[in-house]
Amino acid sequence: MRGMDIFCVQETRGSWAHILKYMRLLLRNYWVRASFGNGCGGIITFISKASAPIDSDIVEQVIVVGRAHSVRISSDNFQQVTYN
């Protein structure tokens, strides 16, 4: 049974240093795209490496720092855009 392909976390507190330290086991199986606001919450999107094995197929666009971003995953066969 495959796990969840994409999951989004909102109102996070922390930094990339926290992701690398406390979520290192998740990083084995998931790519991470994040936007942290200055003095406010942030957002993190986890993308399964089983679903998107090539990191360069994932493009993040920050819409509002710490509040909104889009993640586009594309290959020869499909394209998916997730807004968080």
PDB file of N, CA and C in Angstrom:
ATOM      1  N   MET A   1       0.834  -1.178   0.000  1.00  0.00           N
ATOM      2  CA  MET A   1       0.000   0.000   0.000  1.00  0.00           C
ATOM      3  C   MET A   1       0.881   1.245   0.000  1.00  0.00           C
ATOM      4  N   ARG A   2       0.665   2.148  -0.925  1.00  0.00           N
ATOM      5  CA  ARG A   2       1.429   3.380  -0.990  1.00  0.00           C
ATOM      6  C   ARG A   2       0.911   4.377   0.022  1.00  0.00           C
ATOM      7  N   GLY A   3       1.819   5.210   0.491  1.00  0.00           N
ATOM      8  CA  GLY A   3       1.444   6.264   1.425  1.00  0.00           C
ATOM      9  C   GLY A   3       0.855   7.448   0.686  1.00  0.00           C
ATOM     10  N   MET A   4       0.632   8.497   1.423  1.00  0.00           N
ATOM     11  CA  MET A   4       0.086   9.721   0.881  1.00  0.00           C
ATOM     12  C   MET A   4       1.086  10.331  -0.110  1.00  0.00           C
ATOM     13  N   ASP A   5       0.610  10.820  -1.241  1.00  0.00           N
ATOM     14  CA  ASP A   5       1.496  11.365  -2.259  1.00  0.00           C
ATOM     15  C   ASP A   5       1.919  12.799  -1.957  1.00  0.00           C
ATOM     16  N   ILE A   6       0.982  13.653  -1.549  1.00  0.00           N
ATOM     17  CA  ILE A   6       1.265  15.049  -1.240  1.00  0.00           C
ATOM     18  C   ILE A   6       0.497  15.414   0.023  1.00  0.00           C
ATOM     19  N   PHE A   7       1.177  16.074   0.947  1.00  0.00           N
ATOM     20  CA  PHE A   7       0.424  16.644   2.057  1.00  0.00           C
ATOM     21  C   PHE A   7       0.967  18.013   2.401  1.00  0.00           C
ATOM     22  N   CYS A   8       0.051  18.884   2.798  1.00  0.00           N
ATOM     23  CA  CYS A   8       0.357  20.291   3.046  1.00  0.00           C
ATOM     24  C   CYS A   8       0.165  20.611   4.520  1.00  0.00           C
ATOM     25  N   VAL A   9       1.079  21.399   5.049  1.00  0.00           N
ATOM     26  CA  VAL A   9       1.016  21.813   6.457  1.00  0.00           C
ATOM     27  C   VAL A   9       0.981  23.339   6.472  1.00  0.00           C
ATOM     28  N   GLN A  10       0.021  23.886   7.188  1.00  0.00           N
ATOM     29  CA  GLN A  10      -0.107  25.336   7.297  1.00  0.00           C
ATOM     30  C   GLN A  10       0.142  25.782   8.724  1.00  0.00           C
ATOM     31  N   GLU A  11       0.397  27.082   8.877  1.00  0.00           N
ATOM     32  CA  GLU A  11       0.637  27.698  10.182  1.00  0.00           C
ATOM     33  C   GLU A  11       1.778  27.012  10.934  1.00  0.00           C
ATOM     34  N   THR A  12       2.850  26.731  10.222  1.00  0.00           N
ATOM     35  CA  THR A  12       4.016  26.114  10.850  1.00  0.00           C
ATOM     36  C   THR A  12       4.897  27.184  11.481  1.00  0.00           C
ATOM     37  N   ARG A  13       5.664  26.786  12.431  1.00  0.00           N
ATOM     38  CA  ARG A  13       6.661  27.656  13.050  1.00  0.00           C
ATOM     39  C   ARG A  13       8.000  26.952  12.907  1.00  0.00           C
ATOM     40  N   GLY A  14       9.017  27.687  12.568  1.00  0.00           N
ATOM     41  CA  GLY A  14      10.328  27.070  12.461  1.00  0.00           C
ATOM     42  C   GLY A  14      11.100  27.590  11.282  1.00  0.00           C
ATOM     43  N   SER A  15      12.023  26.771  10.807  1.00  0.00           N
ATOM     44  CA  SER A  15      12.929  27.167   9.733  1.00  0.00           C
ATOM     45  C   SER A  15      13.402  25.911   9.007  1.00  0.00           C
ATOM     46  N   TRP A  16      14.204  26.117   7.967  1.00  0.00           N
ATOM     47  CA  TRP A  16      14.783  24.979   7.264  1.00  0.00           C
ATOM     48  C   TRP A  16      15.673  24.160   8.189  1.00  0.00           C
ATOM     49  N   ALA A  17      16.349  24.814   9.119  1.00  0.00           N
ATOM     50  CA  ALA A  17      17.188  24.084  10.071  1.00  0.00           C
ATOM     51  C   ALA A  17      16.345  23.108  10.884  1.00  0.00           C
ATOM     52  N   HIS A  18      15.143  23.525  11.276  1.00  0.00           N
ATOM     53  CA  HIS A  18      14.247  22.638  12.020  1.00  0.00           C
ATOM     54  C   HIS A  18      13.780  21.469  11.157  1.00  0.00           C
ATOM     55  N   ILE A  19      13.467  21.732   9.900  1.00  0.00           N
ATOM     56  CA  ILE A  19      13.053  20.647   9.000  1.00  0.00           C
ATOM     57  C   ILE A  19      14.174  19.620   8.878  1.00  0.00           C
ATOM     58  N   LEU A  20      15.385  20.095   8.640  1.00  0.00           N
ATOM     59  CA  LEU A  20      16.509  19.174   8.461  1.00  0.00           C
ATOM     60  C   LEU A  20      16.823  18.385   9.729  1.00  0.00           C
ATOM     61  N   LYS A  21      16.614  18.989  10.883  1.00  0.00           N
ATOM     62  CA  LYS A  21      16.919  18.314  12.145  1.00  0.00           C
ATOM     63  C   LYS A  21      15.795  17.371  12.587  1.00  0.00           C
ATOM     64  N   TYR A  22      14.561  17.858  12.607  1.00  0.00           N
ATOM     65  CA  TYR A  22      13.462  17.097  13.208  1.00  0.00           C
ATOM     66  C   TYR A  22      12.661  16.259  12.217  1.00  0.00           C
ATOM     67  N   MET A  23      12.772  16.540  10.957  1.00  0.00           N
ATOM     68  CA  MET A  23      11.996  15.797   9.961  1.00  0.00           C
ATOM     69  C   MET A  23      12.899  14.999   9.036  1.00  0.00           C
ATOM     70  N   ARG A  24      14.121  14.750   9.470  1.00  0.00           N
ATOM     71  CA  ARG A  24      15.095  14.082   8.602  1.00  0.00           C
ATOM     72  C   ARG A  24      14.634  12.699   8.148  1.00  0.00           C
ATOM     73  N   LEU A  25      13.873  11.982   8.961  1.00  0.00           N
ATOM     74  CA  LEU A  25      13.400  10.663   8.543  1.00  0.00           C
ATOM     75  C   LEU A  25      12.363  10.783   7.427  1.00  0.00           C
ATOM     76  N   LEU A  26      11.521  11.816   7.479  1.00  0.00           N
ATOM     77  CA  LEU A  26      10.556  12.046   6.397  1.00  0.00           C
ATOM     78  C   LEU A  26      11.260  12.388   5.089  1.00  0.00           C
ATOM     79  N   LEU A  27      12.409  13.050   5.201  1.00  0.00           N
ATOM     80  CA  LEU A  27      13.130  13.479   4.006  1.00  0.00           C
ATOM     81  C   LEU A  27      13.667  12.306   3.187  1.00  0.00           C
ATOM     82  N   ARG A  28      13.689  11.125   3.748  1.00  0.00           N
ATOM     83  CA  ARG A  28      14.089   9.939   2.984  1.00  0.00           C
ATOM     84  C   ARG A  28      13.091   9.648   1.868  1.00  0.00           C
ATOM     85  N   ASN A  29      11.811   9.901   2.167  1.00  0.00           N
ATOM     86  CA  ASN A  29      10.740   9.520   1.247  1.00  0.00           C
ATOM     87  C   ASN A  29       9.982  10.687   0.637  1.00  0.00           C
ATOM     88  N   TYR A  30      10.264  11.905   1.098  1.00  0.00           N
ATOM     89  CA  TYR A  30       9.520  13.071   0.621  1.00  0.00           C
ATOM     90  C   TYR A  30      10.452  14.217   0.258  1.00  0.00           C
ATOM     91  N   TRP A  31      10.106  14.911  -0.834  1.00  0.00           N
ATOM     92  CA  TRP A  31      10.709  16.195  -1.146  1.00  0.00           C
ATOM     93  C   TRP A  31       9.962  17.226  -0.319  1.00  0.00           C
ATOM     94  N   VAL A  32      10.612  18.301   0.026  1.00  0.00           N
ATOM     95  CA  VAL A  32       9.975  19.334   0.833  1.00  0.00           C
ATOM     96  C   VAL A  32      10.092  20.675   0.127  1.00  0.00           C
ATOM     97  N   ARG A  33       8.989  21.383   0.080  1.00  0.00           N
ATOM     98  CA  ARG A  33       8.970  22.771  -0.384  1.00  0.00           C
ATOM     99  C   ARG A  33       8.324  23.578   0.739  1.00  0.00           C
ATOM    100  N   ALA A  34       8.947  24.686   1.131  1.00  0.00           N
ATOM    101  CA  ALA A  34       8.447  25.451   2.270  1.00  0.00           C
ATOM    102  C   ALA A  34       8.642  26.938   2.051  1.00  0.00           C
ATOM    103  N   SER A  35       7.796  27.684   2.709  1.00  0.00           N
ATOM    104  CA  SER A  35       7.899  29.138   2.725  1.00  0.00           C
ATOM    105  C   SER A  35       7.624  29.578   4.152  1.00  0.00           C
ATOM    106  N   PHE A  36       8.599  30.226   4.764  1.00  0.00           N
ATOM    107  CA  PHE A  36       8.447  30.696   6.136  1.00  0.00           C
ATOM    108  C   PHE A  36       8.406  32.211   6.136  1.00  0.00           C
ATOM    109  N   GLY A  37       7.392  32.759   6.812  1.00  0.00           N
ATOM    110  CA  GLY A  37       7.272  34.205   6.915  1.00  0.00           C
ATOM    111  C   GLY A  37       8.164  34.741   8.012  1.00  0.00           C
ATOM    112  N   ASN A  38       8.467  36.001   7.944  1.00  0.00           N
ATOM    113  CA  ASN A  38       9.289  36.656   8.951  1.00  0.00           C
ATOM    114  C   ASN A  38       8.400  37.035  10.132  1.00  0.00           C
ATOM    115  N   GLY A  39       8.513  36.297  11.240  1.00  0.00           N
ATOM    116  CA  GLY A  39       7.721  36.587  12.421  1.00  0.00           C
ATOM    117  C   GLY A  39       6.300  36.071  12.377  1.00  0.00           C
ATOM    118  N   CYS A  40       5.972  35.268  11.359  1.00  0.00           N
ATOM    119  CA  CYS A  40       4.627  34.695  11.287  1.00  0.00           C
ATOM    120  C   CYS A  40       4.752  33.232  10.885  1.00  0.00           C
ATOM    121  N   GLY A  41       3.636  32.568  10.777  1.00  0.00           N
ATOM    122  CA  GLY A  41       3.636  31.162  10.410  1.00  0.00           C
ATOM    123  C   GLY A  41       4.128  30.944   8.994  1.00  0.00           C
ATOM    124  N   GLY A  42       4.279  29.706   8.656  1.00  0.00           N
ATOM    125  CA  GLY A  42       4.722  29.357   7.319  1.00  0.00           C
ATOM    126  C   GLY A  42       3.944  28.169   6.806  1.00  0.00           C
ATOM    127  N   ILE A  43       4.333  27.699   5.636  1.00  0.00           N
ATOM    128  CA  ILE A  43       3.675  26.548   5.029  1.00  0.00           C
ATOM    129  C   ILE A  43       4.731  25.579   4.519  1.00  0.00           C
ATOM    130  N   ILE A  44       4.394  24.308   4.569  1.00  0.00           N
ATOM    131  CA  ILE A  44       5.290  23.260   4.091  1.00  0.00           C
ATOM    132  C   ILE A  44       4.470  22.305   3.232  1.00  0.00           C
ATOM    133  N   THR A  45       5.013  21.906   2.095  1.00  0.00           N
ATOM    134  CA  THR A  45       4.388  20.901   1.252  1.00  0.00           C
ATOM    135  C   THR A  45       5.362  19.738   1.106  1.00  0.00           C
ATOM    136  N   PHE A  46       4.883  18.536   1.383  1.00  0.00           N
ATOM    137  CA  PHE A  46       5.661  17.307   1.255  1.00  0.00           C
ATOM    138  C   PHE A  46       5.187  16.561   0.013  1.00  0.00           C
ATOM    139  N   ILE A  47       6.116  16.159  -0.853  1.00  0.00           N
ATOM    140  CA  ILE A  47       5.793  15.445  -2.082  1.00  0.00           C
ATOM    141  C   ILE A  47       6.506  14.103  -2.053  1.00  0.00           C
ATOM    142  N   SER A  48       5.756  13.044  -2.215  1.00  0.00           N
ATOM    143  CA  SER A  48       6.313  11.694  -2.176  1.00  0.00           C
ATOM    144  C   SER A  48       7.327  11.485  -3.298  1.00  0.00           C
ATOM    145  N   LYS A  49       8.497  10.962  -2.943  1.00  0.00           N
ATOM    146  CA  LYS A  49       9.519  10.649  -3.937  1.00  0.00           C
ATOM    147  C   LYS A  49       9.088   9.478  -4.814  1.00  0.00           C
ATOM    148  N   ALA A  50       8.177   8.649  -4.307  1.00  0.00           N
ATOM    149  CA  ALA A  50       7.652   7.552  -5.119  1.00  0.00           C
ATOM    150  C   ALA A  50       6.779   8.097  -6.249  1.00  0.00           C
ATOM    151  N   SER A  51       6.093   9.211  -5.994  1.00  0.00           N
ATOM    152  CA  SER A  51       5.230   9.818  -7.011  1.00  0.00           C
ATOM    153  C   SER A  51       5.988  10.742  -7.943  1.00  0.00           C
ATOM    154  N   ALA A  52       6.999  11.422  -7.410  1.00  0.00           N
ATOM    155  CA  ALA A  52       7.798  12.365  -8.195  1.00  0.00           C
ATOM    156  C   ALA A  52       9.273  12.105  -7.899  1.00  0.00           C
ATOM    157  N   PRO A  53       9.861  11.099  -8.537  1.00  0.00           N
ATOM    158  CA  PRO A  53      11.221  10.703  -8.189  1.00  0.00           C
ATOM    159  C   PRO A  53      12.317  11.699  -8.600  1.00  0.00           C
ATOM    160  N   ILE A  54      12.012  12.611  -9.511  1.00  0.00           N
ATOM    161  CA  ILE A  54      13.025  13.557  -9.993  1.00  0.00           C
ATOM    162  C   ILE A  54      12.741  14.934  -9.397  1.00  0.00           C
ATOM    163  N   ASP A  55      13.652  15.404  -8.562  1.00  0.00           N
ATOM    164  CA  ASP A  55      13.468  16.676  -7.858  1.00  0.00           C
ATOM    165  C   ASP A  55      13.261  17.846  -8.814  1.00  0.00           C
ATOM    166  N   SER A  56      13.938  17.832  -9.938  1.00  0.00           N
ATOM    167  CA  SER A  56      13.827  18.953 -10.878  1.00  0.00           C
ATOM    168  C   SER A  56      12.471  19.024 -11.573  1.00  0.00           C
ATOM    169  N   ASP A  57      11.631  17.985 -11.435  1.00  0.00           N
ATOM    170  CA  ASP A  57      10.272  18.013 -11.982  1.00  0.00           C
ATOM    171  C   ASP A  57       9.315  18.805 -11.084  1.00  0.00           C
ATOM    172  N   ILE A  58       9.806  19.272  -9.942  1.00  0.00           N
ATOM    173  CA  ILE A  58       8.977  19.994  -8.972  1.00  0.00           C
ATOM    174  C   ILE A  58       9.393  21.459  -8.978  1.00  0.00           C
ATOM    175  N   VAL A  59       8.427  22.335  -9.242  1.00  0.00           N
ATOM    176  CA  VAL A  59       8.699  23.771  -9.292  1.00  0.00           C
ATOM    177  C   VAL A  59       7.778  24.468  -8.295  1.00  0.00           C
ATOM    178  N   GLU A  60       8.388  25.235  -7.403  1.00  0.00           N
ATOM    179  CA  GLU A  60       7.621  25.978  -6.402  1.00  0.00           C
ATOM    180  C   GLU A  60       7.569  27.447  -6.785  1.00  0.00           C
ATOM    181  N   GLN A  61       6.412  28.054  -6.581  1.00  0.00           N
ATOM    182  CA  GLN A  61       6.273  29.494  -6.776  1.00  0.00           C
ATOM    183  C   GLN A  61       5.671  30.075  -5.508  1.00  0.00           C
ATOM    184  N   VAL A  62       6.410  30.953  -4.840  1.00  0.00           N
ATOM    185  CA  VAL A  62       5.899  31.613  -3.644  1.00  0.00           C
ATOM    186  C   VAL A  62       4.955  32.721  -4.093  1.00  0.00           C
ATOM    187  N   ILE A  63       3.724  32.678  -3.606  1.00  0.00           N
ATOM    188  CA  ILE A  63       2.724  33.685  -3.946  1.00  0.00           C
ATOM    189  C   ILE A  63       2.737  34.789  -2.891  1.00  0.00           C
ATOM    190  N   VAL A  64       2.649  34.405  -1.618  1.00  0.00           N
ATOM    191  CA  VAL A  64       2.783  35.322  -0.490  1.00  0.00           C
ATOM    192  C   VAL A  64       3.690  34.620   0.518  1.00  0.00           C
ATOM    193  N   VAL A  65       4.817  35.216   0.843  1.00  0.00           N
ATOM    194  CA  VAL A  65       5.802  34.587   1.730  1.00  0.00           C
ATOM    195  C   VAL A  65       5.137  34.155   3.036  1.00  0.00           C
ATOM    196  N   GLY A  66       5.313  32.883   3.379  1.00  0.00           N
ATOM    197  CA  GLY A  66       4.774  32.336   4.614  1.00  0.00           C
ATOM    198  C   GLY A  66       3.288  32.064   4.610  1.00  0.00           C
ATOM    199  N   ARG A  67       2.596  32.413   3.534  1.00  0.00           N
ATOM    200  CA  ARG A  67       1.137  32.278   3.494  1.00  0.00           C
ATOM    201  C   ARG A  67       0.592  31.451   2.342  1.00  0.00           C
ATOM    202  N   ALA A  68       1.191  31.570   1.171  1.00  0.00           N
ATOM    203  CA  ALA A  68       0.645  30.859   0.004  1.00  0.00           C
ATOM    204  C   ALA A  68       1.752  30.575  -1.001  1.00  0.00           C
ATOM    205  N   HIS A  69       1.716  29.368  -1.520  1.00  0.00           N
ATOM    206  CA  HIS A  69       2.612  29.021  -2.624  1.00  0.00           C
ATOM    207  C   HIS A  69       1.973  27.923  -3.457  1.00  0.00           C
ATOM    208  N   SER A  70       2.502  27.759  -4.649  1.00  0.00           N
ATOM    209  CA  SER A  70       2.040  26.668  -5.501  1.00  0.00           C
ATOM    210  C   SER A  70       3.225  25.753  -5.778  1.00  0.00           C
ATOM    211  N   VAL A  71       2.903  24.497  -5.947  1.00  0.00           N
ATOM    212  CA  VAL A  71       3.905  23.495  -6.295  1.00  0.00           C
ATOM    213  C   VAL A  71       3.399  22.779  -7.538  1.00  0.00           C
ATOM    214  N   ARG A  72       4.194  22.836  -8.608  1.00  0.00           N
ATOM    215  CA  ARG A  72       3.837  22.178  -9.857  1.00  0.00           C
ATOM    216  C   ARG A  72       4.760  20.987 -10.058  1.00  0.00           C
ATOM    217  N   ILE A  73       4.159  19.825 -10.260  1.00  0.00           N
ATOM    218  CA  ILE A  73       4.900  18.601 -10.534  1.00  0.00           C
ATOM    219  C   ILE A  73       4.555  18.198 -11.959  1.00  0.00           C
ATOM    220  N   SER A  74       5.567  18.010 -12.774  1.00  0.00           N
ATOM    221  CA  SER A  74       5.282  17.649 -14.164  1.00  0.00           C
ATOM    222  C   SER A  74       6.259  16.599 -14.662  1.00  0.00           C
ATOM    223  N   SER A  75       5.794  15.857 -15.628  1.00  0.00           N
ATOM    224  CA  SER A  75       6.621  14.871 -16.321  1.00  0.00           C
ATOM    225  C   SER A  75       6.107  14.805 -17.753  1.00  0.00           C
ATOM    226  N   ASP A  76       6.576  13.844 -18.505  1.00  0.00           N
ATOM    227  CA  ASP A  76       6.094  13.685 -19.877  1.00  0.00           C
ATOM    228  C   ASP A  76       4.619  13.300 -19.916  1.00  0.00           C
ATOM    229  N   ASN A  77       4.127  12.651 -18.850  1.00  0.00           N
ATOM    230  CA  ASN A  77       2.780  12.097 -18.858  1.00  0.00           C
ATOM    231  C   ASN A  77       1.730  12.909 -18.114  1.00  0.00           C
ATOM    232  N   PHE A  78       2.138  13.815 -17.228  1.00  0.00           N
ATOM    233  CA  PHE A  78       1.142  14.521 -16.437  1.00  0.00           C
ATOM    234  C   PHE A  78       1.699  15.823 -15.893  1.00  0.00           C
ATOM    235  N   GLN A  79       0.774  16.629 -15.365  1.00  0.00           N
ATOM    236  CA  GLN A  79       1.140  17.826 -14.615  1.00  0.00           C
ATOM    237  C   GLN A  79       0.105  18.019 -13.523  1.00  0.00           C
ATOM    238  N   GLN A  80       0.577  18.326 -12.326  1.00  0.00           N
ATOM    239  CA  GLN A  80      -0.310  18.563 -11.197  1.00  0.00           C
ATOM    240  C   GLN A  80       0.154  19.821 -10.492  1.00  0.00           C
ATOM    241  N   VAL A  81      -0.791  20.684 -10.137  1.00  0.00           N
ATOM    242  CA  VAL A  81      -0.481  21.895  -9.401  1.00  0.00           C
ATOM    243  C   VAL A  81      -1.236  21.837  -8.084  1.00  0.00           C
ATOM    244  N   THR A  82      -0.505  22.051  -6.995  1.00  0.00           N
ATOM    245  CA  THR A  82      -1.094  22.069  -5.655  1.00  0.00           C
ATOM    246  C   THR A  82      -0.863  23.442  -5.054  1.00  0.00           C
ATOM    247  N   TYR A  83      -1.925  24.027  -4.520  1.00  0.00           N
ATOM    248  CA  TYR A  83      -1.819  25.311  -3.850  1.00  0.00           C
ATOM    249  C   TYR A  83      -1.916  25.084  -2.346  1.00  0.00           C
ATOM    250  N   ASN A  84      -1.038  25.724  -1.603  1.00  0.00           N
ATOM    251  CA  ASN A  84      -1.046  25.621  -0.150  1.00  0.00           C
ATOM    252  C   ASN A  84      -0.977  27.022   0.399  1.00  0.00           C
TER     253      ASN A  84
END
